[in-house]
């Protein structure tokens, strides 16, 4: 008898992808469980023009309240929890999981947060400035994939890891990683084009990696 589940929509999973062309295959952290909540934040500073700052009497007669205000805006930040759980794979006898737990996924995420030497490609895309240690290193640019219509360039600015269960060898088998992402904005080449196009330009990646990327972006 049919289960009645054949018509259920396929669950789409979010992911973080490191697009550094020097890393092959690309680092991919596909979410084992989609976060239950996604917290997005943007702060805007409203600055009144000079005549409004204690010199109201000098303001032109026709100037309306709020006219000519400057509104600097900080980049949008996205906060979420990523969970890794090796329980099912351990029950299925997965050899890699038995040996390492969720350390491979955790290592990939930690590499995405670690500053590294800037690349010529990053400089050509306008992404090499003022992030990292003394200008010599920078946090890598990632692609945050969240559904078909939200694929964006981000940097991982905060990473907090809670390891909750361990194997007999003390490898973590359950982990909650809280991450904060800063959305990259501006007029550089990267943000002028879609992240999907940038990912597909990685032609030298193995077909398996490109298959995962195509699946994440619903490119068929």
C-alpha atoms as a PDB file:
ATOM      1  CA  UNK A   1       0.000   0.000   0.000  1.00  0.00           C
ATOM      2  CA  UNK A   2       1.303   3.442  -0.854  1.00  0.00           C
ATOM      3  CA  UNK A   3       2.458   5.492   2.089  1.00  0.00           C
ATOM      4  CA  UNK A   4       0.832   8.662   0.819  1.00  0.00           C
ATOM      5  CA  UNK A   5       4.139  10.528   1.139  1.00  0.00           C
ATOM      6  CA  UNK A   6       5.104  10.556  -2.547  1.00  0.00           C
ATOM      7  CA  UNK A   7       3.628  14.006  -3.064  1.00  0.00           C
ATOM      8  CA  UNK A   8       5.456  15.565  -0.143  1.00  0.00           C
ATOM      9  CA  UNK A   9       7.749  18.438  -1.228  1.00  0.00           C
ATOM     10  CA  UNK A  10      11.458  17.718  -1.086  1.00  0.00           C
ATOM     11  CA  UNK A  11      13.055  19.522   1.840  1.00  0.00           C
ATOM     12  CA  UNK A  12      15.640  22.049   0.713  1.00  0.00           C
ATOM     13  CA  UNK A  13      18.660  22.421   2.977  1.00  0.00           C
ATOM     14  CA  UNK A  14      20.729  25.536   3.551  1.00  0.00           C
ATOM     15  CA  UNK A  15      24.497  25.602   3.223  1.00  0.00           C
ATOM     16  CA  UNK A  16      27.707  27.591   3.458  1.00  0.00           C
ATOM     17  CA  UNK A  17      30.165  27.310   0.560  1.00  0.00           C
ATOM     18  CA  UNK A  18      33.769  28.570   0.545  1.00  0.00           C
ATOM     19  CA  UNK A  19      34.531  29.856  -2.971  1.00  0.00           C
ATOM     20  CA  UNK A  20      38.298  30.189  -2.511  1.00  0.00           C
ATOM     21  CA  UNK A  21      39.637  28.855  -5.863  1.00  0.00           C
ATOM     22  CA  UNK A  22      42.801  27.620  -4.130  1.00  0.00           C
ATOM     23  CA  UNK A  23      40.754  25.063  -2.170  1.00  0.00           C
ATOM     24  CA  UNK A  24      39.730  22.066  -4.256  1.00  0.00           C
ATOM     25  CA  UNK A  25      37.195  20.676  -3.926  1.00  0.00           C
ATOM     26  CA  UNK A  26      35.347  23.697  -2.470  1.00  0.00           C
ATOM     27  CA  UNK A  27      34.546  23.556   1.233  1.00  0.00           C
ATOM     28  CA  UNK A  28      30.830  22.907   1.651  1.00  0.00           C
ATOM     29  CA  UNK A  29      28.938  22.782   4.934  1.00  0.00           C
ATOM     30  CA  UNK A  30      25.455  21.619   4.018  1.00  0.00           C
ATOM     31  CA  UNK A  31      23.108  21.872   6.972  1.00  0.00           C
ATOM     32  CA  UNK A  32      22.181  18.479   8.328  1.00  0.00           C
ATOM     33  CA  UNK A  33      19.206  20.162  10.007  1.00  0.00           C
ATOM     34  CA  UNK A  34      17.893  23.518   8.848  1.00  0.00           C
ATOM     35  CA  UNK A  35      18.022  26.110  11.661  1.00  0.00           C
ATOM     36  CA  UNK A  36      14.687  26.615  13.393  1.00  0.00           C
ATOM     37  CA  UNK A  37      15.229  30.377  13.464  1.00  0.00           C
ATOM     38  CA  UNK A  38      17.183  32.881  11.400  1.00  0.00           C
ATOM     39  CA  UNK A  39      17.916  36.224  13.038  1.00  0.00           C
ATOM     40  CA  UNK A  40      18.612  39.098  10.643  1.00  0.00           C
ATOM     41  CA  UNK A  41      19.738  42.505  11.824  1.00  0.00           C
ATOM     42  CA  UNK A  42      20.646  45.834  10.254  1.00  0.00           C
ATOM     43  CA  UNK A  43      21.376  49.094  12.046  1.00  0.00           C
ATOM     44  CA  UNK A  44      20.857  52.532  10.526  1.00  0.00           C
ATOM     45  CA  UNK A  45      22.238  55.786  11.972  1.00  0.00           C
ATOM     46  CA  UNK A  46      20.161  58.901  11.262  1.00  0.00           C
ATOM     47  CA  UNK A  47      22.127  62.137  11.349  1.00  0.00           C
ATOM     48  CA  UNK A  48      20.354  65.464  11.110  1.00  0.00           C
ATOM     49  CA  UNK A  49      21.895  68.150   8.895  1.00  0.00           C
ATOM     50  CA  UNK A  50      23.917  70.885  10.560  1.00  0.00           C
ATOM     51  CA  UNK A  51      21.072  73.394  10.999  1.00  0.00           C
ATOM     52  CA  UNK A  52      19.112  70.803  12.973  1.00  0.00           C
ATOM     53  CA  UNK A  53      21.920  70.144  15.450  1.00  0.00           C
ATOM     54  CA  UNK A  54      21.311  72.930  17.969  1.00  0.00           C
ATOM     55  CA  UNK A  55      21.068  75.673  15.357  1.00  0.00           C
ATOM     56  CA  UNK A  56      17.456  75.373  14.346  1.00  0.00           C
ATOM     57  CA  UNK A  57      17.155  79.126  13.983  1.00  0.00           C
ATOM     58  CA  UNK A  58      19.627  79.049  11.089  1.00  0.00           C
ATOM     59  CA  UNK A  59      17.665  76.459   9.109  1.00  0.00           C
ATOM     60  CA  UNK A  60      16.158  77.697   5.842  1.00  0.00           C
ATOM     61  CA  UNK A  61      12.509  78.516   6.199  1.00  0.00           C
ATOM     62  CA  UNK A  62      11.468  75.955   3.619  1.00  0.00           C
ATOM     63  CA  UNK A  63      13.430  73.063   5.087  1.00  0.00           C
ATOM     64  CA  UNK A  64      11.199  70.251   6.326  1.00  0.00           C
ATOM     65  CA  UNK A  65      11.909  68.135   9.371  1.00  0.00           C
ATOM     66  CA  UNK A  66      14.171  65.281   8.320  1.00  0.00           C
ATOM     67  CA  UNK A  67      15.150  66.869   5.018  1.00  0.00           C
ATOM     68  CA  UNK A  68      18.736  66.204   3.871  1.00  0.00           C
ATOM     69  CA  UNK A  69      19.327  63.685   6.655  1.00  0.00           C
ATOM     70  CA  UNK A  70      22.322  61.377   6.239  1.00  0.00           C
ATOM     71  CA  UNK A  71      21.527  57.744   6.984  1.00  0.00           C
ATOM     72  CA  UNK A  72      24.665  55.565   7.129  1.00  0.00           C
ATOM     73  CA  UNK A  73      23.805  51.870   7.243  1.00  0.00           C
ATOM     74  CA  UNK A  74      25.892  49.034   8.637  1.00  0.00           C
ATOM     75  CA  UNK A  75      25.972  45.737   6.710  1.00  0.00           C
ATOM     76  CA  UNK A  76      23.214  43.250   7.434  1.00  0.00           C
ATOM     77  CA  UNK A  77      24.116  40.440   9.847  1.00  0.00           C
ATOM     78  CA  UNK A  78      22.565  36.984   9.978  1.00  0.00           C
ATOM     79  CA  UNK A  79      22.742  34.751  13.062  1.00  0.00           C
ATOM     80  CA  UNK A  80      21.823  31.075  13.161  1.00  0.00           C
ATOM     81  CA  UNK A  81      22.630  27.770  14.858  1.00  0.00           C
ATOM     82  CA  UNK A  82      24.057  24.874  12.851  1.00  0.00           C
ATOM     83  CA  UNK A  83      23.647  21.392  14.362  1.00  0.00           C
ATOM     84  CA  UNK A  84      25.753  18.347  13.589  1.00  0.00           C
ATOM     85  CA  UNK A  85      24.602  14.944  14.843  1.00  0.00           C
ATOM     86  CA  UNK A  86      26.401  11.661  14.047  1.00  0.00           C
ATOM     87  CA  UNK A  87      23.790   9.374  15.667  1.00  0.00           C
ATOM     88  CA  UNK A  88      22.162   8.051  12.469  1.00  0.00           C
ATOM     89  CA  UNK A  89      25.467   7.500  10.677  1.00  0.00           C
ATOM     90  CA  UNK A  90      26.888   5.656  13.682  1.00  0.00           C
ATOM     91  CA  UNK A  91      23.864   3.357  13.713  1.00  0.00           C
ATOM     92  CA  UNK A  92      24.362   2.743   9.987  1.00  0.00           C
ATOM     93  CA  UNK A  93      27.996   1.777  10.595  1.00  0.00           C
ATOM     94  CA  UNK A  94      29.582   4.639   8.645  1.00  0.00           C
ATOM     95  CA  UNK A  95      33.352   4.076   8.975  1.00  0.00           C
ATOM     96  CA  UNK A  96      34.378   7.745   8.680  1.00  0.00           C
ATOM     97  CA  UNK A  97      31.883   8.758  11.342  1.00  0.00           C
ATOM     98  CA  UNK A  98      33.047   5.962  13.635  1.00  0.00           C
ATOM     99  CA  UNK A  99      36.617   7.216  13.327  1.00  0.00           C
ATOM    100  CA  UNK A 100      36.060  10.977  13.458  1.00  0.00           C
ATOM    101  CA  UNK A 101      32.526  11.737  14.660  1.00  0.00           C
ATOM    102  CA  UNK A 102      31.473  15.124  13.259  1.00  0.00           C
ATOM    103  CA  UNK A 103      35.030  16.491  13.215  1.00  0.00           C
ATOM    104  CA  UNK A 104      35.125  16.756   9.367  1.00  0.00           C
ATOM    105  CA  UNK A 105      32.074  19.052   9.275  1.00  0.00           C
ATOM    106  CA  UNK A 106      33.372  21.013  12.237  1.00  0.00           C
ATOM    107  CA  UNK A 107      36.824  21.417  10.663  1.00  0.00           C
ATOM    108  CA  UNK A 108      35.301  22.767   7.446  1.00  0.00           C
ATOM    109  CA  UNK A 109      33.275  25.337   9.391  1.00  0.00           C
ATOM    110  CA  UNK A 110      36.303  26.416  11.420  1.00  0.00           C
ATOM    111  CA  UNK A 111      38.353  26.862   8.238  1.00  0.00           C
ATOM    112  CA  UNK A 112      35.654  29.188   6.931  1.00  0.00           C
ATOM    113  CA  UNK A 113      36.164  31.439   9.970  1.00  0.00           C
ATOM    114  CA  UNK A 114      39.978  31.415   9.947  1.00  0.00           C
ATOM    115  CA  UNK A 115      41.771  34.398   8.315  1.00  0.00           C
ATOM    116  CA  UNK A 116      43.987  33.457   5.389  1.00  0.00           C
ATOM    117  CA  UNK A 117      46.361  35.209   3.016  1.00  0.00           C
ATOM    118  CA  UNK A 118      44.548  37.366   0.435  1.00  0.00           C
ATOM    119  CA  UNK A 119      44.397  36.067  -3.120  1.00  0.00           C
ATOM    120  CA  UNK A 120      44.971  38.022  -6.343  1.00  0.00           C
ATOM    121  CA  UNK A 121      41.462  37.026  -7.406  1.00  0.00           C
ATOM    122  CA  UNK A 122      39.981  38.578  -4.264  1.00  0.00           C
ATOM    123  CA  UNK A 123      41.809  41.821  -4.972  1.00  0.00           C
ATOM    124  CA  UNK A 124      40.522  41.901  -8.544  1.00  0.00           C
ATOM    125  CA  UNK A 125      36.960  41.461  -7.256  1.00  0.00           C
ATOM    126  CA  UNK A 126      37.330  44.312  -4.785  1.00  0.00           C
ATOM    127  CA  UNK A 127      37.032  42.014  -1.776  1.00  0.00           C
ATOM    128  CA  UNK A 128      40.513  42.268  -0.253  1.00  0.00           C
ATOM    129  CA  UNK A 129      40.313  45.324   1.941  1.00  0.00           C
ATOM    130  CA  UNK A 130      40.560  45.944   5.655  1.00  0.00           C
ATOM    131  CA  UNK A 131      39.544  42.570   7.068  1.00  0.00           C
ATOM    132  CA  UNK A 132      41.894  40.317   9.014  1.00  0.00           C
ATOM    133  CA  UNK A 133      45.221  40.774  10.738  1.00  0.00           C
ATOM    134  CA  UNK A 134      46.987  44.005   9.869  1.00  0.00           C
ATOM    135  CA  UNK A 135      45.825  43.830   6.262  1.00  0.00           C
ATOM    136  CA  UNK A 136      47.954  40.719   5.666  1.00  0.00           C
ATOM    137  CA  UNK A 137      45.149  38.222   6.116  1.00  0.00           C
ATOM    138  CA  UNK A 138      41.422  38.327   5.580  1.00  0.00           C
ATOM    139  CA  UNK A 139      38.359  36.335   6.469  1.00  0.00           C
ATOM    140  CA  UNK A 140      37.297  34.326   3.387  1.00  0.00           C
ATOM    141  CA  UNK A 141      34.237  35.234   1.380  1.00  0.00           C
ATOM    142  CA  UNK A 142      31.559  32.548   1.585  1.00  0.00           C
ATOM    143  CA  UNK A 143      28.271  31.926  -0.155  1.00  0.00           C
ATOM    144  CA  UNK A 144      25.267  31.519   2.128  1.00  0.00           C
ATOM    145  CA  UNK A 145      22.570  29.467   0.419  1.00  0.00           C
ATOM    146  CA  UNK A 146      19.102  29.776   1.931  1.00  0.00           C
ATOM    147  CA  UNK A 147      16.473  28.709  -0.549  1.00  0.00           C
ATOM    148  CA  UNK A 148      16.220  29.454  -4.264  1.00  0.00           C
ATOM    149  CA  UNK A 149      15.992  33.212  -3.980  1.00  0.00           C
ATOM    150  CA  UNK A 150      18.415  34.048  -1.178  1.00  0.00           C
ATOM    151  CA  UNK A 151      22.009  33.273  -2.139  1.00  0.00           C
ATOM    152  CA  UNK A 152      24.431  35.897  -0.905  1.00  0.00           C
ATOM    153  CA  UNK A 153      28.094  36.652  -0.305  1.00  0.00           C
ATOM    154  CA  UNK A 154      28.968  36.698   3.406  1.00  0.00           C
ATOM    155  CA  UNK A 155      31.868  36.551   5.847  1.00  0.00           C
ATOM    156  CA  UNK A 156      31.723  34.459   9.007  1.00  0.00           C
ATOM    157  CA  UNK A 157      32.426  37.010  11.742  1.00  0.00           C
ATOM    158  CA  UNK A 158      31.570  35.025  14.884  1.00  0.00           C
ATOM    159  CA  UNK A 159      31.680  31.306  15.652  1.00  0.00           C
ATOM    160  CA  UNK A 160      30.715  29.699  18.976  1.00  0.00           C
ATOM    161  CA  UNK A 161      30.891  25.903  19.270  1.00  0.00           C
ATOM    162  CA  UNK A 162      29.124  23.777  21.878  1.00  0.00           C
ATOM    163  CA  UNK A 163      30.127  20.094  21.841  1.00  0.00           C
ATOM    164  CA  UNK A 164      27.484  18.083  23.691  1.00  0.00           C
ATOM    165  CA  UNK A 165      28.285  14.383  23.133  1.00  0.00           C
ATOM    166  CA  UNK A 166      31.470  12.432  22.425  1.00  0.00           C
ATOM    167  CA  UNK A 167      32.619   9.019  21.230  1.00  0.00           C
ATOM    168  CA  UNK A 168      34.823   6.709  23.283  1.00  0.00           C
ATOM    169  CA  UNK A 169      37.810   8.398  21.593  1.00  0.00           C
ATOM    170  CA  UNK A 170      36.450  11.822  22.682  1.00  0.00           C
ATOM    171  CA  UNK A 171      35.568  12.872  19.145  1.00  0.00           C
ATOM    172  CA  UNK A 172      32.438  15.074  19.180  1.00  0.00           C
ATOM    173  CA  UNK A 173      29.312  13.337  17.917  1.00  0.00           C
ATOM    174  CA  UNK A 174      26.841  16.158  18.600  1.00  0.00           C
ATOM    175  CA  UNK A 175      27.661  19.819  18.112  1.00  0.00           C
ATOM    176  CA  UNK A 176      25.755  23.107  18.043  1.00  0.00           C
ATOM    177  CA  UNK A 177      27.663  25.860  16.220  1.00  0.00           C
ATOM    178  CA  UNK A 178      26.304  29.397  16.576  1.00  0.00           C
ATOM    179  CA  UNK A 179      27.462  31.578  13.700  1.00  0.00           C
ATOM    180  CA  UNK A 180      27.109  35.227  12.759  1.00  0.00           C
ATOM    181  CA  UNK A 181      27.446  36.175   9.105  1.00  0.00           C
ATOM    182  CA  UNK A 182      28.067  39.644   7.697  1.00  0.00           C
ATOM    183  CA  UNK A 183      26.474  40.165   4.304  1.00  0.00           C
ATOM    184  CA  UNK A 184      28.924  41.616   1.769  1.00  0.00           C
ATOM    185  CA  UNK A 185      27.471  44.654   0.057  1.00  0.00           C
ATOM    186  CA  UNK A 186      28.784  47.326  -2.261  1.00  0.00           C
ATOM    187  CA  UNK A 187      29.851  47.864  -5.840  1.00  0.00           C
ATOM    188  CA  UNK A 188      32.526  45.178  -6.164  1.00  0.00           C
ATOM    189  CA  UNK A 189      32.335  42.706  -9.015  1.00  0.00           C
ATOM    190  CA  UNK A 190      31.140  39.881  -6.791  1.00  0.00           C
ATOM    191  CA  UNK A 191      27.996  41.630  -5.624  1.00  0.00           C
ATOM    192  CA  UNK A 192      27.137  42.749  -9.162  1.00  0.00           C
ATOM    193  CA  UNK A 193      26.639  39.140 -10.228  1.00  0.00           C
ATOM    194  CA  UNK A 194      24.682  36.345  -8.615  1.00  0.00           C
ATOM    195  CA  UNK A 195      26.469  33.982  -6.264  1.00  0.00           C
ATOM    196  CA  UNK A 196      25.097  31.099  -8.317  1.00  0.00           C
ATOM    197  CA  UNK A 197      27.010  32.272 -11.380  1.00  0.00           C
ATOM    198  CA  UNK A 198      30.196  32.695  -9.360  1.00  0.00           C
ATOM    199  CA  UNK A 199      29.908  29.147  -8.029  1.00  0.00           C
ATOM    200  CA  UNK A 200      29.373  27.636 -11.457  1.00  0.00           C
ATOM    201  CA  UNK A 201      32.562  29.357 -12.621  1.00  0.00           C
ATOM    202  CA  UNK A 202      34.554  26.894 -10.494  1.00  0.00           C
ATOM    203  CA  UNK A 203      34.941  24.554 -13.460  1.00  0.00           C
ATOM    204  CA  UNK A 204      37.966  22.769 -12.051  1.00  0.00           C
ATOM    205  CA  UNK A 205      36.053  21.391  -9.065  1.00  0.00           C
ATOM    206  CA  UNK A 206      35.280  17.651  -9.161  1.00  0.00           C
ATOM    207  CA  UNK A 207      31.906  16.738 -10.648  1.00  0.00           C
ATOM    208  CA  UNK A 208      30.707  15.539  -7.244  1.00  0.00           C
ATOM    209  CA  UNK A 209      31.282  18.974  -5.711  1.00  0.00           C
ATOM    210  CA  UNK A 210      29.582  20.732  -8.613  1.00  0.00           C
ATOM    211  CA  UNK A 211      26.686  18.305  -8.260  1.00  0.00           C
ATOM    212  CA  UNK A 212      26.209  19.328  -4.640  1.00  0.00           C
ATOM    213  CA  UNK A 213      26.384  23.004  -5.580  1.00  0.00           C
ATOM    214  CA  UNK A 214      23.859  22.576  -8.398  1.00  0.00           C
ATOM    215  CA  UNK A 215      21.523  20.734  -6.026  1.00  0.00           C
ATOM    216  CA  UNK A 216      21.822  23.454  -3.390  1.00  0.00           C
ATOM    217  CA  UNK A 217      20.978  26.149  -5.920  1.00  0.00           C
ATOM    218  CA  UNK A 218      18.256  24.097  -7.685  1.00  0.00           C
ATOM    219  CA  UNK A 219      20.082  24.358 -10.994  1.00  0.00           C
ATOM    220  CA  UNK A 220      19.296  20.822 -12.123  1.00  0.00           C
END
